[in-house]
Amino acid sequence: MNRVGIGYDVHPFEEGRPLILGGIEIPHTRGLKGHSDADVLCHAIADAILGSMGLPDIGFYFPPTDASIEGICSLRILEKCAALAIEKGYAITNVDSTLIAEAPKVMKHAAAMKEKIAEALGIKPDEVGIKATTNERMGFVGREEGIAAMAVACVEK
């Protein structure tokens, strides 16, 4: 049995933080605001994986009110999702994602992000899709107030 889930996440920019996307630090003037490392790409992928199994979102497993996980690396969140999949009798077969940002340009970092995400999920890098687009200068992303990400995940029972 194959199942599919979708995920979406968004975080605003914040001064004085590193920008973490796909588990790696991306050179930029600002990072993203959040309780964790605010890796919007990993969060969207995590929600897609959880959704594919009919489970609650990452806020259920990693609530922003839990001080013990403040600053957690979002790759650990992906590892938890992979462990939940195994526990529920699923194998993650692939994930695909899109980052939506005016800046910075991220595709030169895609191979490194794919490696990190694949390692965290226990899949191969070629089973991880990463794309990027802008919002054509429209909305909060277009005004460079933050970054959004969408993802889809497939699991097999």
Protein backbone atom coordinates (compact mmCIF):
# COMPACT_ATOMS: atom_id res chain seq x y z
CA MET A 1 0.00 0.00 0.00
CA ASN A 2 1.37 3.42 -1.01
CA ARG A 3 0.38 6.60 0.76
CA VAL A 4 1.12 10.26 0.05
CA GLY A 5 1.27 13.27 2.37
CA ILE A 6 1.79 16.97 1.81
CA GLY A 7 3.51 19.53 3.98
CA TYR A 8 3.82 23.30 4.07
CA ASP A 9 5.76 25.56 6.39
CA VAL A 10 6.76 29.20 6.60
CA HIS A 11 9.05 31.16 8.90
CA PRO A 12 9.79 34.88 9.03
CA PHE A 13 13.33 36.21 8.82
CA GLU A 14 15.07 37.28 12.01
CA GLU A 15 18.28 39.22 12.47
CA GLY A 16 21.16 37.57 14.30
CA ARG A 17 20.37 33.94 13.44
CA PRO A 18 22.02 31.64 10.93
CA LEU A 19 19.94 30.55 7.95
CA ILE A 20 19.51 26.77 8.05
CA LEU A 21 17.84 25.07 5.09
CA GLY A 22 17.89 21.35 4.44
CA GLY A 23 20.20 20.85 7.40
CA ILE A 24 22.98 23.11 6.20
CA GLU A 25 23.90 26.70 6.93
CA ILE A 26 23.30 28.95 3.93
CA PRO A 27 25.21 32.25 3.77
CA HIS A 28 22.70 35.08 4.18
CA THR A 29 22.26 38.30 6.13
CA ARG A 30 19.41 36.86 8.23
CA GLY A 31 18.17 33.55 9.50
CA LEU A 32 14.67 32.31 10.17
CA LYS A 33 12.77 32.80 13.41
CA GLY A 34 11.53 29.73 15.25
CA HIS A 35 11.66 27.57 18.36
CA SER A 36 13.93 25.09 16.58
CA ASP A 37 16.61 25.97 14.06
CA ALA A 38 13.60 27.09 11.92
CA ASP A 39 14.59 24.93 8.94
CA VAL A 40 11.45 25.54 6.89
CA LEU A 41 12.41 22.88 4.32
CA CYS A 42 12.85 20.10 6.86
CA HIS A 43 9.62 21.13 8.59
CA ALA A 44 7.59 20.89 5.38
CA ILE A 45 9.13 17.47 4.64
CA ALA A 46 8.41 16.30 8.20
CA ASP A 47 4.77 17.32 7.94
CA ALA A 48 4.48 15.55 4.57
CA ILE A 49 5.86 12.32 6.04
CA LEU A 50 3.64 12.52 9.11
CA GLY A 51 0.61 13.31 6.96
CA SER A 52 1.29 10.34 4.70
CA MET A 53 0.76 8.10 7.73
CA GLY A 54 -2.27 10.01 9.02
CA LEU A 55 -0.34 11.29 12.05
CA PRO A 56 -0.43 14.76 13.67
CA ASP A 57 1.95 17.49 12.48
CA ILE A 58 5.39 18.28 13.88
CA GLY A 59 3.89 20.69 16.41
CA PHE A 60 2.37 17.67 18.15
CA TYR A 61 5.71 15.86 18.44
CA PHE A 62 7.88 18.98 18.85
CA PRO A 63 5.68 21.65 20.46
CA PRO A 64 7.05 25.19 20.51
CA THR A 65 6.19 25.32 24.20
CA ASP A 66 8.73 22.58 25.06
CA ALA A 67 11.81 24.39 26.36
CA SER A 68 13.86 21.17 26.27
CA ILE A 69 13.90 21.20 22.46
CA GLU A 70 14.55 24.89 21.92
CA GLY A 71 17.04 25.27 19.08
CA ILE A 72 16.74 21.60 18.04
CA CYS A 73 18.30 20.71 14.71
CA SER A 74 15.47 19.96 12.30
CA LEU A 75 17.37 16.95 10.98
CA ARG A 76 16.54 15.36 14.37
CA ILE A 77 12.87 16.04 13.58
CA LEU A 78 13.28 14.17 10.29
CA GLU A 79 14.98 11.31 12.11
CA LYS A 80 11.98 11.10 14.46
CA CYS A 81 9.64 11.00 11.45
CA ALA A 82 11.69 8.17 9.91
CA ALA A 83 11.58 6.26 13.22
CA LEU A 84 7.81 6.73 13.42
CA ALA A 85 7.47 5.39 9.88
CA ILE A 86 9.41 2.25 10.78
CA GLU A 87 7.41 1.87 14.00
CA LYS A 88 4.16 2.07 11.99
CA GLY A 89 5.40 -0.43 9.40
CA TYR A 90 6.12 2.08 6.61
CA ALA A 91 9.14 2.78 4.46
CA ILE A 92 9.72 6.26 3.13
CA THR A 93 10.13 5.85 -0.62
CA ASN A 94 10.75 9.45 -1.65
CA VAL A 95 10.17 13.10 -0.84
CA ASP A 96 9.93 16.11 -3.12
CA SER A 97 10.02 19.73 -2.05
CA THR A 98 10.03 23.32 -3.19
CA LEU A 99 11.58 26.27 -1.37
CA ILE A 100 9.92 29.62 -2.04
CA ALA A 101 12.25 32.58 -1.45
CA GLU A 102 13.37 35.73 -3.21
CA ALA A 103 16.76 35.47 -1.56
CA PRO A 104 19.12 33.85 -1.07
CA LYS A 105 19.53 31.72 -4.15
CA VAL A 106 19.69 28.18 -2.78
CA MET A 107 19.99 25.72 -5.66
CA LYS A 108 23.79 25.70 -5.53
CA HIS A 109 23.33 24.09 -2.09
CA ALA A 110 20.74 21.52 -3.21
CA ALA A 111 23.14 18.55 -3.44
CA ALA A 112 24.38 19.10 0.12
CA MET A 113 20.82 19.52 1.39
CA LYS A 114 19.74 16.31 -0.36
CA GLU A 115 22.60 14.42 1.32
CA LYS A 116 21.65 15.65 4.80
CA ILE A 117 17.92 15.04 4.36
CA ALA A 118 18.46 11.59 2.85
CA GLU A 119 20.78 10.60 5.70
CA ALA A 120 18.25 11.73 8.30
CA LEU A 121 15.44 9.80 6.59
CA GLY A 122 17.44 6.67 5.81
CA ILE A 123 16.87 6.98 2.05
CA LYS A 124 19.13 7.71 -0.93
CA PRO A 125 19.89 11.28 -2.04
CA ASP A 126 18.27 10.59 -5.41
CA GLU A 127 15.03 9.88 -3.53
CA VAL A 128 14.99 13.49 -2.30
CA GLY A 129 13.81 16.23 -4.64
CA ILE A 130 14.60 19.87 -3.95
CA LYS A 131 13.51 22.74 -6.16
CA ALA A 132 13.41 26.47 -5.58
CA THR A 133 11.34 29.33 -6.91
CA THR A 134 10.57 32.93 -6.11
CA ASN A 135 7.19 34.46 -5.39
CA GLU A 136 7.70 36.99 -8.21
CA ARG A 137 8.04 39.78 -5.62
CA MET A 138 4.46 39.24 -4.41
CA GLY A 139 3.33 38.76 -0.79
CA PHE A 140 5.45 38.28 2.31
CA VAL A 141 7.96 36.06 0.48
CA GLY A 142 8.19 38.59 -2.34
CA ARG A 143 8.88 41.36 0.16
CA GLU A 144 11.65 39.14 1.64
CA GLU A 145 9.94 38.87 5.02
CA GLY A 146 10.40 35.11 5.18
CA ILE A 147 10.72 31.79 3.38
CA ALA A 148 8.10 29.14 2.65
CA ALA A 149 8.43 25.50 1.66
CA MET A 150 6.12 22.82 0.31
CA ALA A 151 6.74 19.09 0.26
CA VAL A 152 5.20 15.79 -0.66
CA ALA A 153 6.24 12.42 0.77
CA CYS A 154 5.47 8.90 -0.33
CA VAL A 155 5.53 5.93 2.02
CA GLU A 156 4.93 2.25 1.42
CA LYS A 157 3.44 -0.24 3.87
